[in-house]
Amino acid sequence: MVLALPPNLRDPSTLCCGVDEAGRGPLAGAVYAAAVILNPAKPIMGLADSKVLSEKRRARLEDLIMRDALAYSVAFSTNAEIDAINILQASLLAMKRAVEGLTCLPGQVLVDGLHVPKISIPATAIVDGDQHIAEISAASILAKNARDREMIALCKQYPQYGFSRHKGYGTREHLAALKLYGPCAIHRQSFAPVRLAGAQQMLWKVSTR
């Protein structure tokens, strides 16, 4: 159940921003993050963790968030950045970019999970925050929808992998395509299944020379 921000966490004298990411687990694509400042005068009913919402419901809530929130921002870190600094740091970097992209500055930031990005605003990590805090739930919806759209678009460029269906996650279909075709430019080379597929593809090329 998503709640209004608990009184012990809310500073009534300042704006509160919720932050969440989408796409830490996939083998391909960027990791996305969103930051949302909700409008207390325009509560949005039905907010929940994006993972438990249908695609249709997420789309409807996204429209409401974009219409009624005081401010929102979506950002990402590329698969190259993920490989360079690891997925946790890339996720935090995307969160930092999302917060810095807001059109108005919050006084406090609530982040889903165990870690907070390096920002100048006071930030608190809340485990399962996307399930309980409306601001974080809203951020989770924007981040997931943005990432899903990007993976659907990338499927047109790399149709053999089926990104529009699994969004880059390590499904049986995706792993089979990796084995058959090897990694492409948007795969996360630092992830073990991708490294293995790349090594196998290289061995196959050498053996067929």
Foldseek 3Di string as FASTA:
>chain_A
DADEPDPVPDDVVWWEKEKEWPDLAFQFWWIKMKIFTADPVDDDPDQAQQVPDDPVVLVVLLVVRVVGTPWMFMFIAALVVCLVPNSVLRRQVNRQVNQVPIPDHTQEYEYEDDDHHDDPHHYDYDHNNRGYYRNNSNGNSVNVVVLLVVQCVCCVVVVLQPCNVVVRHDDPSNLVSCQVPADDPGGNCNDVSNVVSNVNVVVVVVVVD
